[in-house]
Amino acid sequence: MEKNRELNELLGLCWHSPATPAMSHVGGSVCKKCKQRFDANPDYANPRLVLREMERIGKLAQFIDSLVSGKELVNSATHVFWFLTDYITNDTPGKLRDQAIDWLKKEVVNG
């Protein structure tokens, strides 16, 4: 849960908790800060959510490049295969999330 919250905040999104200031709205409560409905917070163990949010902030290409750079790969097809097998189809929940956290922290430091 804490890693999901950390990534959410690095992405510039609100993390909603029972203590989050809210306004009443038709259909439920709405966060006063982000004006979004209180739904469940995202679970970034799902790599599709990580990819979607990296695309939303305009950093997806740079992020993926950082993951595959330095690998001894023959061509772009092997880059894609390596990325898919290592981050999307693996059995380690949150692996891509953890890489995104590390990468975004470096981005903040390096400007």
PDB file of N, CA and C in Angstrom:
ATOM      1  N   MET A   1       0.822  -1.200   0.000  1.00  0.00           N
ATOM      2  CA  MET A   1       0.000   0.000   0.000  1.00  0.00           C
ATOM      3  C   MET A   1       0.862   1.258   0.000  1.00  0.00           C
ATOM      4  N   GLU A   2       1.930   1.275   0.806  1.00  0.00           N
ATOM      5  CA  GLU A   2       2.758   2.471   0.879  1.00  0.00           C
ATOM      6  C   GLU A   2       3.452   2.773  -0.448  1.00  0.00           C
ATOM      7  N   LYS A   3       3.881   1.728  -1.161  1.00  0.00           N
ATOM      8  CA  LYS A   3       4.528   1.957  -2.459  1.00  0.00           C
ATOM      9  C   LYS A   3       3.521   2.499  -3.463  1.00  0.00           C
ATOM     10  N   ASN A   4       2.281   2.027  -3.402  1.00  0.00           N
ATOM     11  CA  ASN A   4       1.249   2.576  -4.280  1.00  0.00           C
ATOM     12  C   ASN A   4       1.030   4.057  -3.986  1.00  0.00           C
ATOM     13  N   ARG A   5       0.987   4.404  -2.725  1.00  0.00           N
ATOM     14  CA  ARG A   5       0.804   5.804  -2.336  1.00  0.00           C
ATOM     15  C   ARG A   5       1.994   6.648  -2.793  1.00  0.00           C
ATOM     16  N   GLU A   6       3.208   6.121  -2.626  1.00  0.00           N
ATOM     17  CA  GLU A   6       4.405   6.858  -3.032  1.00  0.00           C
ATOM     18  C   GLU A   6       4.394   7.139  -4.526  1.00  0.00           C
ATOM     19  N   LEU A   7       4.081   6.132  -5.334  1.00  0.00           N
ATOM     20  CA  LEU A   7       4.024   6.353  -6.781  1.00  0.00           C
ATOM     21  C   LEU A   7       2.919   7.334  -7.131  1.00  0.00           C
ATOM     22  N   ASN A   8       1.781   7.194  -6.515  1.00  0.00           N
ATOM     23  CA  ASN A   8       0.667   8.096  -6.782  1.00  0.00           C
ATOM     24  C   ASN A   8       1.082   9.548  -6.551  1.00  0.00           C
ATOM     25  N   GLU A   9       1.779   9.801  -5.451  1.00  0.00           N
ATOM     26  CA  GLU A   9       2.210  11.159  -5.124  1.00  0.00           C
ATOM     27  C   GLU A   9       3.307  11.640  -6.071  1.00  0.00           C
ATOM     28  N   LEU A  10       4.235  10.756  -6.469  1.00  0.00           N
ATOM     29  CA  LEU A  10       5.257  11.137  -7.447  1.00  0.00           C
ATOM     30  C   LEU A  10       4.633  11.492  -8.791  1.00  0.00           C
ATOM     31  N   LEU A  11       3.492  10.891  -9.083  1.00  0.00           N
ATOM     32  CA  LEU A  11       2.758  11.187 -10.316  1.00  0.00           C
ATOM     33  C   LEU A  11       1.921  12.460 -10.196  1.00  0.00           C
ATOM     34  N   GLY A  12       1.920  13.061  -9.005  1.00  0.00           N
ATOM     35  CA  GLY A  12       1.165  14.292  -8.791  1.00  0.00           C
ATOM     36  C   GLY A  12      -0.308  14.075  -8.538  1.00  0.00           C
ATOM     37  N   LEU A  13      -0.669  12.891  -8.079  1.00  0.00           N
ATOM     38  CA  LEU A  13      -2.071  12.564  -7.836  1.00  0.00           C
ATOM     39  C   LEU A  13      -2.363  12.513  -6.342  1.00  0.00           C
ATOM     40  N   CYS A  14      -3.610  12.705  -5.991  1.00  0.00           N
ATOM     41  CA  CYS A  14      -4.042  12.622  -4.592  1.00  0.00           C
ATOM     42  C   CYS A  14      -4.147  11.169  -4.151  1.00  0.00           C
ATOM     43  N   TRP A  15      -3.832  10.937  -2.894  1.00  0.00           N
ATOM     44  CA  TRP A  15      -4.079   9.637  -2.276  1.00  0.00           C
ATOM     45  C   TRP A  15      -5.214   9.868  -1.296  1.00  0.00           C
ATOM     46  N   HIS A  16      -6.331   9.224  -1.501  1.00  0.00           N
ATOM     47  CA  HIS A  16      -7.519   9.470  -0.691  1.00  0.00           C
ATOM     48  C   HIS A  16      -7.581   8.524   0.509  1.00  0.00           C
ATOM     49  N   SER A  17      -7.838   9.110   1.649  1.00  0.00           N
ATOM     50  CA  SER A  17      -7.997   8.352   2.885  1.00  0.00           C
ATOM     51  C   SER A  17      -9.231   8.893   3.590  1.00  0.00           C
ATOM     52  N   PRO A  18      -9.655   8.249   4.657  1.00  0.00           N
ATOM     53  CA  PRO A  18     -10.814   8.769   5.387  1.00  0.00           C
ATOM     54  C   PRO A  18     -10.606  10.203   5.898  1.00  0.00           C
ATOM     55  N   ALA A  19      -9.346  10.620   6.056  1.00  0.00           N
ATOM     56  CA  ALA A  19      -9.067  11.971   6.553  1.00  0.00           C
ATOM     57  C   ALA A  19      -8.993  13.022   5.440  1.00  0.00           C
ATOM     58  N   THR A  20      -9.108  12.606   4.176  1.00  0.00           N
ATOM     59  CA  THR A  20      -9.030  13.549   3.063  1.00  0.00           C
ATOM     60  C   THR A  20     -10.231  14.483   3.100  1.00  0.00           C
ATOM     61  N   PRO A  21      -9.983  15.815   3.053  1.00  0.00           N
ATOM     62  CA  PRO A  21     -11.109  16.760   3.029  1.00  0.00           C
ATOM     63  C   PRO A  21     -11.987  16.515   1.802  1.00  0.00           C
ATOM     64  N   ALA A  22     -13.272  16.446   2.045  1.00  0.00           N
ATOM     65  CA  ALA A  22     -14.185  16.101   0.956  1.00  0.00           C
ATOM     66  C   ALA A  22     -15.382  17.033   0.916  1.00  0.00           C
ATOM     67  N   MET A  23     -16.029  17.056  -0.240  1.00  0.00           N
ATOM     68  CA  MET A  23     -17.279  17.779  -0.441  1.00  0.00           C
ATOM     69  C   MET A  23     -18.335  16.761  -0.823  1.00  0.00           C
ATOM     70  N   SER A  24     -19.555  17.006  -0.437  1.00  0.00           N
ATOM     71  CA  SER A  24     -20.643  16.128  -0.858  1.00  0.00           C
ATOM     72  C   SER A  24     -20.940  16.383  -2.324  1.00  0.00           C
ATOM     73  N   HIS A  25     -21.255  15.336  -3.020  1.00  0.00           N
ATOM     74  CA  HIS A  25     -21.539  15.434  -4.438  1.00  0.00           C
ATOM     75  C   HIS A  25     -22.517  14.326  -4.778  1.00  0.00           C
ATOM     76  N   VAL A  26     -23.309  14.550  -5.816  1.00  0.00           N
ATOM     77  CA  VAL A  26     -24.226  13.510  -6.258  1.00  0.00           C
ATOM     78  C   VAL A  26     -23.400  12.271  -6.592  1.00  0.00           C
ATOM     79  N   GLY A  27     -23.720  11.165  -5.986  1.00  0.00           N
ATOM     80  CA  GLY A  27     -23.004   9.926  -6.250  1.00  0.00           C
ATOM     81  C   GLY A  27     -21.867   9.655  -5.293  1.00  0.00           C
ATOM     82  N   GLY A  28     -21.647  10.512  -4.300  1.00  0.00           N
ATOM     83  CA  GLY A  28     -20.593  10.243  -3.322  1.00  0.00           C
ATOM     84  C   GLY A  28     -19.802  11.474  -2.964  1.00  0.00           C
ATOM     85  N   SER A  29     -18.668  11.261  -2.323  1.00  0.00           N
ATOM     86  CA  SER A  29     -17.813  12.362  -1.896  1.00  0.00           C
ATOM     87  C   SER A  29     -16.780  12.684  -2.975  1.00  0.00           C
ATOM     88  N   VAL A  30     -16.382  13.960  -3.010  1.00  0.00           N
ATOM     89  CA  VAL A  30     -15.400  14.433  -3.967  1.00  0.00           C
ATOM     90  C   VAL A  30     -14.274  15.102  -3.194  1.00  0.00           C
ATOM     91  N   CYS A  31     -13.031  14.798  -3.551  1.00  0.00           N
ATOM     92  CA  CYS A  31     -11.855  15.384  -2.910  1.00  0.00           C
ATOM     93  C   CYS A  31     -11.832  16.895  -3.181  1.00  0.00           C
ATOM     94  N   LYS A  32     -11.614  17.688  -2.140  1.00  0.00           N
ATOM     95  CA  LYS A  32     -11.561  19.137  -2.320  1.00  0.00           C
ATOM     96  C   LYS A  32     -10.339  19.563  -3.124  1.00  0.00           C
ATOM     97  N   LYS A  33      -9.247  18.802  -3.052  1.00  0.00           N
ATOM     98  CA  LYS A  33      -8.013  19.174  -3.740  1.00  0.00           C
ATOM     99  C   LYS A  33      -8.070  18.845  -5.233  1.00  0.00           C
ATOM    100  N   CYS A  34      -8.378  17.582  -5.563  1.00  0.00           N
ATOM    101  CA  CYS A  34      -8.305  17.162  -6.969  1.00  0.00           C
ATOM    102  C   CYS A  34      -9.666  17.137  -7.663  1.00  0.00           C
ATOM    103  N   LYS A  35     -10.729  17.304  -6.897  1.00  0.00           N
ATOM    104  CA  LYS A  35     -12.100  17.323  -7.432  1.00  0.00           C
ATOM    105  C   LYS A  35     -12.522  15.984  -8.040  1.00  0.00           C
ATOM    106  N   GLN A  36     -11.834  14.906  -7.647  1.00  0.00           N
ATOM    107  CA  GLN A  36     -12.178  13.576  -8.142  1.00  0.00           C
ATOM    108  C   GLN A  36     -13.021  12.843  -7.105  1.00  0.00           C
ATOM    109  N   ARG A  37     -13.872  11.935  -7.595  1.00  0.00           N
ATOM    110  CA  ARG A  37     -14.667  11.113  -6.682  1.00  0.00           C
ATOM    111  C   ARG A  37     -13.769  10.203  -5.878  1.00  0.00           C
ATOM    112  N   PHE A  38     -14.187   9.878  -4.686  1.00  0.00           N
ATOM    113  CA  PHE A  38     -13.468   8.938  -3.837  1.00  0.00           C
ATOM    114  C   PHE A  38     -13.773   7.528  -4.309  1.00  0.00           C
ATOM    115  N   ASP A  39     -12.934   7.000  -5.102  1.00  0.00           N
ATOM    116  CA  ASP A  39     -13.017   5.599  -5.470  1.00  0.00           C
ATOM    117  C   ASP A  39     -11.845   4.919  -4.785  1.00  0.00           C
ATOM    118  N   ALA A  40     -11.663   3.669  -5.014  1.00  0.00           N
ATOM    119  CA  ALA A  40     -10.504   2.985  -4.444  1.00  0.00           C
ATOM    120  C   ALA A  40      -9.233   3.597  -5.021  1.00  0.00           C
ATOM    121  N   ASN A  41      -8.211   3.718  -4.191  1.00  0.00           N
ATOM    122  CA  ASN A  41      -6.920   4.183  -4.669  1.00  0.00           C
ATOM    123  C   ASN A  41      -6.346   3.142  -5.628  1.00  0.00           C
ATOM    124  N   PRO A  42      -5.522   3.569  -6.587  1.00  0.00           N
ATOM    125  CA  PRO A  42      -5.001   2.631  -7.569  1.00  0.00           C
ATOM    126  C   PRO A  42      -4.037   1.617  -6.966  1.00  0.00           C
ATOM    127  N   ASP A  43      -4.041   0.428  -7.533  1.00  0.00           N
ATOM    128  CA  ASP A  43      -3.092  -0.613  -7.150  1.00  0.00           C
ATOM    129  C   ASP A  43      -2.100  -0.756  -8.295  1.00  0.00           C
ATOM    130  N   TYR A  44      -0.953  -0.105  -8.146  1.00  0.00           N
ATOM    131  CA  TYR A  44       0.045  -0.074  -9.206  1.00  0.00           C
ATOM    132  C   TYR A  44       0.840  -1.368  -9.320  1.00  0.00           C
ATOM    133  N   ALA A  45       0.454  -2.410  -8.586  1.00  0.00           N
ATOM    134  CA  ALA A  45       1.038  -3.730  -8.836  1.00  0.00           C
ATOM    135  C   ALA A  45       0.642  -4.188 -10.238  1.00  0.00           C
ATOM    136  N   ASN A  46      -0.450  -3.635 -10.761  1.00  0.00           N
ATOM    137  CA  ASN A  46      -0.897  -3.898 -12.125  1.00  0.00           C
ATOM    138  C   ASN A  46      -0.045  -3.030 -13.069  1.00  0.00           C
ATOM    139  N   PRO A  47       0.818  -3.629 -13.881  1.00  0.00           N
ATOM    140  CA  PRO A  47       1.715  -2.832 -14.721  1.00  0.00           C
ATOM    141  C   PRO A  47       1.000  -1.959 -15.740  1.00  0.00           C
ATOM    142  N   ARG A  48      -0.217  -2.328 -16.146  1.00  0.00           N
ATOM    143  CA  ARG A  48      -0.959  -1.488 -17.102  1.00  0.00           C
ATOM    144  C   ARG A  48      -1.257  -0.119 -16.513  1.00  0.00           C
ATOM    145  N   LEU A  49      -1.532  -0.063 -15.199  1.00  0.00           N
ATOM    146  CA  LEU A  49      -1.805   1.224 -14.570  1.00  0.00           C
ATOM    147  C   LEU A  49      -0.550   2.089 -14.543  1.00  0.00           C
ATOM    148  N   VAL A  50       0.595   1.466 -14.298  1.00  0.00           N
ATOM    149  CA  VAL A  50       1.859   2.209 -14.303  1.00  0.00           C
ATOM    150  C   VAL A  50       2.103   2.793 -15.690  1.00  0.00           C
ATOM    151  N   LEU A  51       1.952   1.978 -16.722  1.00  0.00           N
ATOM    152  CA  LEU A  51       2.166   2.447 -18.091  1.00  0.00           C
ATOM    153  C   LEU A  51       1.201   3.571 -18.455  1.00  0.00           C
ATOM    154  N   ARG A  52      -0.062   3.428 -18.063  1.00  0.00           N
ATOM    155  CA  ARG A  52      -1.056   4.459 -18.368  1.00  0.00           C
ATOM    156  C   ARG A  52      -0.684   5.792 -17.730  1.00  0.00           C
ATOM    157  N   GLU A  53      -0.265   5.750 -16.467  1.00  0.00           N
ATOM    158  CA  GLU A  53       0.069   6.995 -15.775  1.00  0.00           C
ATOM    159  C   GLU A  53       1.372   7.610 -16.280  1.00  0.00           C
ATOM    160  N   MET A  54       2.344   6.788 -16.650  1.00  0.00           N
ATOM    161  CA  MET A  54       3.578   7.326 -17.218  1.00  0.00           C
ATOM    162  C   MET A  54       3.281   7.997 -18.558  1.00  0.00           C
ATOM    163  N   GLU A  55       2.373   7.440 -19.325  1.00  0.00           N
ATOM    164  CA  GLU A  55       1.944   8.066 -20.580  1.00  0.00           C
ATOM    165  C   GLU A  55       1.222   9.380 -20.293  1.00  0.00           C
ATOM    166  N   ARG A  56       0.369   9.394 -19.281  1.00  0.00           N
ATOM    167  CA  ARG A  56      -0.390  10.604 -18.938  1.00  0.00           C
ATOM    168  C   ARG A  56       0.536  11.771 -18.609  1.00  0.00           C
ATOM    169  N   ILE A  57       1.648  11.499 -17.940  1.00  0.00           N
ATOM    170  CA  ILE A  57       2.560  12.591 -17.583  1.00  0.00           C
ATOM    171  C   ILE A  57       3.619  12.842 -18.664  1.00  0.00           C
ATOM    172  N   GLY A  58       3.529  12.112 -19.787  1.00  0.00           N
ATOM    173  CA  GLY A  58       4.427  12.341 -20.910  1.00  0.00           C
ATOM    174  C   GLY A  58       5.823  11.773 -20.733  1.00  0.00           C
ATOM    175  N   LYS A  59       5.962  10.743 -19.910  1.00  0.00           N
ATOM    176  CA  LYS A  59       7.285  10.186 -19.614  1.00  0.00           C
ATOM    177  C   LYS A  59       7.417   8.713 -19.993  1.00  0.00           C
ATOM    178  N   LEU A  60       6.453   8.150 -20.674  1.00  0.00           N
ATOM    179  CA  LEU A  60       6.468   6.716 -20.935  1.00  0.00           C
ATOM    180  C   LEU A  60       7.674   6.295 -21.772  1.00  0.00           C
ATOM    181  N   ALA A  61       7.946   6.988 -22.858  1.00  0.00           N
ATOM    182  CA  ALA A  61       9.050   6.593 -23.738  1.00  0.00           C
ATOM    183  C   ALA A  61      10.386   6.655 -22.993  1.00  0.00           C
ATOM    184  N   GLN A  62      10.617   7.735 -22.240  1.00  0.00           N
ATOM    185  CA  GLN A  62      11.874   7.860 -21.504  1.00  0.00           C
ATOM    186  C   GLN A  62      11.999   6.782 -20.437  1.00  0.00           C
ATOM    187  N   PHE A  63      10.889   6.478 -19.781  1.00  0.00           N
ATOM    188  CA  PHE A  63      10.889   5.460 -18.737  1.00  0.00           C
ATOM    189  C   PHE A  63      11.241   4.091 -19.314  1.00  0.00           C
ATOM    190  N   ILE A  64      10.575   3.705 -20.399  1.00  0.00           N
ATOM    191  CA  ILE A  64      10.855   2.401 -21.002  1.00  0.00           C
ATOM    192  C   ILE A  64      12.288   2.363 -21.529  1.00  0.00           C
ATOM    193  N   ASP A  65      12.738   3.452 -22.141  1.00  0.00           N
ATOM    194  CA  ASP A  65      14.126   3.500 -22.613  1.00  0.00           C
ATOM    195  C   ASP A  65      15.103   3.254 -21.471  1.00  0.00           C
ATOM    196  N   SER A  66      14.808   3.811 -20.304  1.00  0.00           N
ATOM    197  CA  SER A  66      15.712   3.626 -19.166  1.00  0.00           C
ATOM    198  C   SER A  66      15.738   2.169 -18.704  1.00  0.00           C
ATOM    199  N   LEU A  67      14.637   1.466 -18.885  1.00  0.00           N
ATOM    200  CA  LEU A  67      14.580   0.063 -18.474  1.00  0.00           C
ATOM    201  C   LEU A  67      15.359  -0.849 -19.410  1.00  0.00           C
ATOM    202  N   VAL A  68      15.353  -0.549 -20.701  1.00  0.00           N
ATOM    203  CA  VAL A  68      15.997  -1.435 -21.667  1.00  0.00           C
ATOM    204  C   VAL A  68      17.397  -0.976 -22.048  1.00  0.00           C
ATOM    205  N   SER A  69      17.779   0.257 -21.697  1.00  0.00           N
ATOM    206  CA  SER A  69      19.123   0.716 -22.059  1.00  0.00           C
ATOM    207  C   SER A  69      20.165  -0.071 -21.279  1.00  0.00           C
ATOM    208  N   GLY A  70      21.271  -0.304 -21.911  1.00  0.00           N
ATOM    209  CA  GLY A  70      22.338  -1.058 -21.272  1.00  0.00           C
ATOM    210  C   GLY A  70      22.185  -2.556 -21.383  1.00  0.00           C
ATOM    211  N   LYS A  71      21.074  -3.013 -21.903  1.00  0.00           N
ATOM    212  CA  LYS A  71      20.879  -4.446 -22.103  1.00  0.00           C
ATOM    213  C   LYS A  71      21.555  -4.851 -23.410  1.00  0.00           C
ATOM    214  N   GLU A  72      22.183  -5.994 -23.403  1.00  0.00           N
ATOM    215  CA  GLU A  72      22.822  -6.515 -24.618  1.00  0.00           C
ATOM    216  C   GLU A  72      21.749  -7.185 -25.468  1.00  0.00           C
ATOM    217  N   LEU A  73      21.036  -6.376 -26.208  1.00  0.00           N
ATOM    218  CA  LEU A  73      19.936  -6.893 -27.014  1.00  0.00           C
ATOM    219  C   LEU A  73      20.246  -6.686 -28.490  1.00  0.00           C
ATOM    220  N   VAL A  74      19.799  -7.606 -29.312  1.00  0.00           N
ATOM    221  CA  VAL A  74      20.150  -7.610 -30.722  1.00  0.00           C
ATOM    222  C   VAL A  74      19.414  -6.527 -31.511  1.00  0.00           C
ATOM    223  N   ASN A  75      18.114  -6.372 -31.279  1.00  0.00           N
ATOM    224  CA  ASN A  75      17.328  -5.412 -32.052  1.00  0.00           C
ATOM    225  C   ASN A  75      16.118  -4.961 -31.236  1.00  0.00           C
ATOM    226  N   SER A  76      15.288  -4.118 -31.841  1.00  0.00           N
ATOM    227  CA  SER A  76      14.147  -3.578 -31.104  1.00  0.00           C
ATOM    228  C   SER A  76      13.133  -4.664 -30.726  1.00  0.00           C
ATOM    229  N   ALA A  77      13.021  -5.707 -31.517  1.00  0.00           N
ATOM    230  CA  ALA A  77      12.098  -6.793 -31.174  1.00  0.00           C
ATOM    231  C   ALA A  77      12.542  -7.480 -29.895  1.00  0.00           C
ATOM    232  N   THR A  78      13.839  -7.654 -29.711  1.00  0.00           N
ATOM    233  CA  THR A  78      14.297  -8.274 -28.464  1.00  0.00           C
ATOM    234  C   THR A  78      14.127  -7.330 -27.286  1.00  0.00           C
ATOM    235  N   HIS A  79      14.197  -6.009 -27.532  1.00  0.00           N
ATOM    236  CA  HIS A  79      13.891  -5.043 -26.476  1.00  0.00           C
ATOM    237  C   HIS A  79      12.447  -5.226 -25.993  1.00  0.00           C
ATOM    238  N   VAL A  80      11.534  -5.324 -26.952  1.00  0.00           N
ATOM    239  CA  VAL A  80      10.116  -5.490 -26.620  1.00  0.00           C
ATOM    240  C   VAL A  80       9.894  -6.811 -25.895  1.00  0.00           C
ATOM    241  N   PHE A  81      10.477  -7.876 -26.404  1.00  0.00           N
ATOM    242  CA  PHE A  81      10.329  -9.177 -25.774  1.00  0.00           C
ATOM    243  C   PHE A  81      10.860  -9.146 -24.344  1.00  0.00           C
ATOM    244  N   TRP A  82      12.036  -8.587 -24.153  1.00  0.00           N
ATOM    245  CA  TRP A  82      12.635  -8.512 -22.818  1.00  0.00           C
ATOM    246  C   TRP A  82      11.746  -7.705 -21.874  1.00  0.00           C
ATOM    247  N   PHE A  83      11.262  -6.544 -22.328  1.00  0.00           N
ATOM    248  CA  PHE A  83      10.404  -5.706 -21.491  1.00  0.00           C
ATOM    249  C   PHE A  83       9.131  -6.457 -21.095  1.00  0.00           C
ATOM    250  N   LEU A  84       8.480  -7.074 -22.071  1.00  0.00           N
ATOM    251  CA  LEU A  84       7.229  -7.787 -21.789  1.00  0.00           C
ATOM    252  C   LEU A  84       7.439  -8.939 -20.814  1.00  0.00           C
ATOM    253  N   THR A  85       8.483  -9.716 -21.025  1.00  0.00           N
ATOM    254  CA  THR A  85       8.688 -10.871 -20.151  1.00  0.00           C
ATOM    255  C   THR A  85       9.191 -10.471 -18.776  1.00  0.00           C
ATOM    256  N   ASP A  86       9.967  -9.418 -18.691  1.00  0.00           N
ATOM    257  CA  ASP A  86      10.532  -9.037 -17.398  1.00  0.00           C
ATOM    258  C   ASP A  86       9.573  -8.202 -16.547  1.00  0.00           C
ATOM    259  N   TYR A  87       8.725  -7.390 -17.173  1.00  0.00           N
ATOM    260  CA  TYR A  87       7.881  -6.477 -16.410  1.00  0.00           C
ATOM    261  C   TYR A  87       6.380  -6.716 -16.513  1.00  0.00           C
ATOM    262  N   ILE A  88       5.919  -7.304 -17.573  1.00  0.00           N
ATOM    263  CA  ILE A  88       4.472  -7.437 -17.767  1.00  0.00           C
ATOM    264  C   ILE A  88       3.983  -8.840 -17.432  1.00  0.00           C
ATOM    265  N   THR A  89       4.644  -9.858 -17.921  1.00  0.00           N
ATOM    266  CA  THR A  89       4.145 -11.218 -17.724  1.00  0.00           C
ATOM    267  C   THR A  89       4.808 -11.951 -16.569  1.00  0.00           C
ATOM    268  N   ASN A  90       5.663 -11.298 -15.824  1.00  0.00           N
ATOM    269  CA  ASN A  90       6.345 -11.983 -14.716  1.00  0.00           C
ATOM    270  C   ASN A  90       5.401 -12.189 -13.537  1.00  0.00           C
ATOM    271  N   ASP A  91       5.851 -12.946 -12.579  1.00  0.00           N
ATOM    272  CA  ASP A  91       5.031 -13.249 -11.404  1.00  0.00           C
ATOM    273  C   ASP A  91       5.424 -12.425 -10.185  1.00  0.00           C
ATOM    274  N   THR A  92       6.058 -11.277 -10.402  1.00  0.00           N
ATOM    275  CA  THR A  92       6.464 -10.407  -9.300  1.00  0.00           C
ATOM    276  C   THR A  92       5.572  -9.171  -9.297  1.00  0.00           C
ATOM    277  N   PRO A  93       4.510  -9.174  -8.503  1.00  0.00           N
ATOM    278  CA  PRO A  93       3.616  -8.017  -8.484  1.00  0.00           C
ATOM    279  C   PRO A  93       4.361  -6.752  -8.057  1.00  0.00           C
ATOM    280  N   GLY A  94       4.131  -5.687  -8.777  1.00  0.00           N
ATOM    281  CA  GLY A  94       4.697  -4.407  -8.400  1.00  0.00           C
ATOM    282  C   GLY A  94       6.094  -4.138  -8.915  1.00  0.00           C
ATOM    283  N   LYS A  95       6.651  -5.026  -9.716  1.00  0.00           N
ATOM    284  CA  LYS A  95       8.019  -4.827 -10.202  1.00  0.00           C
ATOM    285  C   LYS A  95       8.126  -3.553 -11.047  1.00  0.00           C
ATOM    286  N   LEU A  96       7.182  -3.340 -11.954  1.00  0.00           N
ATOM    287  CA  LEU A  96       7.216  -2.132 -12.775  1.00  0.00           C
ATOM    288  C   LEU A  96       6.934  -0.897 -11.922  1.00  0.00           C
ATOM    289  N   ARG A  97       6.028  -1.017 -10.952  1.00  0.00           N
ATOM    290  CA  ARG A  97       5.748   0.079 -10.025  1.00  0.00           C
ATOM    291  C   ARG A  97       7.018   0.511  -9.302  1.00  0.00           C
ATOM    292  N   ASP A  98       7.767  -0.458  -8.789  1.00  0.00           N
ATOM    293  CA  ASP A  98       8.983  -0.147  -8.040  1.00  0.00           C
ATOM    294  C   ASP A  98      10.019   0.529  -8.929  1.00  0.00           C
ATOM    295  N   GLN A  99      10.128   0.091 -10.179  1.00  0.00           N
ATOM    296  CA  GLN A  99      11.043   0.731 -11.114  1.00  0.00           C
ATOM    297  C   GLN A  99      10.602   2.156 -11.421  1.00  0.00           C
ATOM    298  N   ALA A 100       9.297   2.360 -11.545  1.00  0.00           N
ATOM    299  CA  ALA A 100       8.776   3.702 -11.807  1.00  0.00           C
ATOM    300  C   ALA A 100       9.072   4.641 -10.640  1.00  0.00           C
ATOM    301  N   ILE A 101       8.929   4.165  -9.423  1.00  0.00           N
ATOM    302  CA  ILE A 101       9.245   4.987  -8.243  1.00  0.00           C
ATOM    303  C   ILE A 101      10.706   5.409  -8.286  1.00  0.00           C
ATOM    304  N   ASP A 102      11.599   4.446  -8.491  1.00  0.00           N
ATOM    305  CA  ASP A 102      13.035   4.766  -8.540  1.00  0.00           C
ATOM    306  C   ASP A 102      13.339   5.757  -9.658  1.00  0.00           C
ATOM    307  N   TRP A 103      12.757   5.534 -10.825  1.00  0.00           N
ATOM    308  CA  TRP A 103      13.025   6.399 -11.976  1.00  0.00           C
ATOM    309  C   TRP A 103      12.498   7.812 -11.751  1.00  0.00           C
ATOM    310  N   LEU A 104      11.279   7.931 -11.234  1.00  0.00           N
ATOM    311  CA  LEU A 104      10.705   9.257 -10.990  1.00  0.00           C
ATOM    312  C   LEU A 104      11.481  10.009  -9.918  1.00  0.00           C
ATOM    313  N   LYS A 105      11.972   9.317  -8.901  1.00  0.00           N
ATOM    314  CA  LYS A 105      12.804   9.980  -7.883  1.00  0.00           C
ATOM    315  C   LYS A 105      14.068  10.543  -8.514  1.00  0.00           C
ATOM    316  N   LYS A 106      14.692   9.801  -9.402  1.00  0.00           N
ATOM    317  CA  LYS A 106      15.891  10.290 -10.093  1.00  0.00           C
ATOM    318  C   LYS A 106      15.555  11.470 -10.981  1.00  0.00           C
ATOM    319  N   GLU A 107      14.402  11.437 -11.625  1.00  0.00           N
ATOM    320  CA  GLU A 107      13.968  12.541 -12.476  1.00  0.00           C
ATOM    321  C   GLU A 107      13.821  13.819 -11.663  1.00  0.00           C
ATOM    322  N   VAL A 108      13.270  13.707 -10.455  1.00  0.00           N
ATOM    323  CA  VAL A 108      13.094  14.875  -9.588  1.00  0.00           C
ATOM    324  C   VAL A 108      14.464  15.441  -9.202  1.00  0.00           C
ATOM    325  N   VAL A 109      15.409  14.574  -8.860  1.00  0.00           N
ATOM    326  CA  VAL A 109      16.738  15.002  -8.450  1.00  0.00           C
ATOM    327  C   VAL A 109      17.492  15.629  -9.627  1.00  0.00           C
ATOM    328  N   ASN A 110      17.384  15.007 -10.791  1.00  0.00           N
ATOM    329  CA  ASN A 110      18.116  15.487 -11.978  1.00  0.00           C
ATOM    330  C   ASN A 110      17.410  16.616 -12.709  1.00  0.00           C
ATOM    331  N   GLY A 111      16.177  16.890 -12.296  1.00  0.00           N
ATOM    332  CA  GLY A 111      15.423  17.996 -12.880  1.00  0.00           C
ATOM    333  C   GLY A 111      14.912  17.673 -14.222  1.00  0.00           C
TER     334      GLY A 111
END
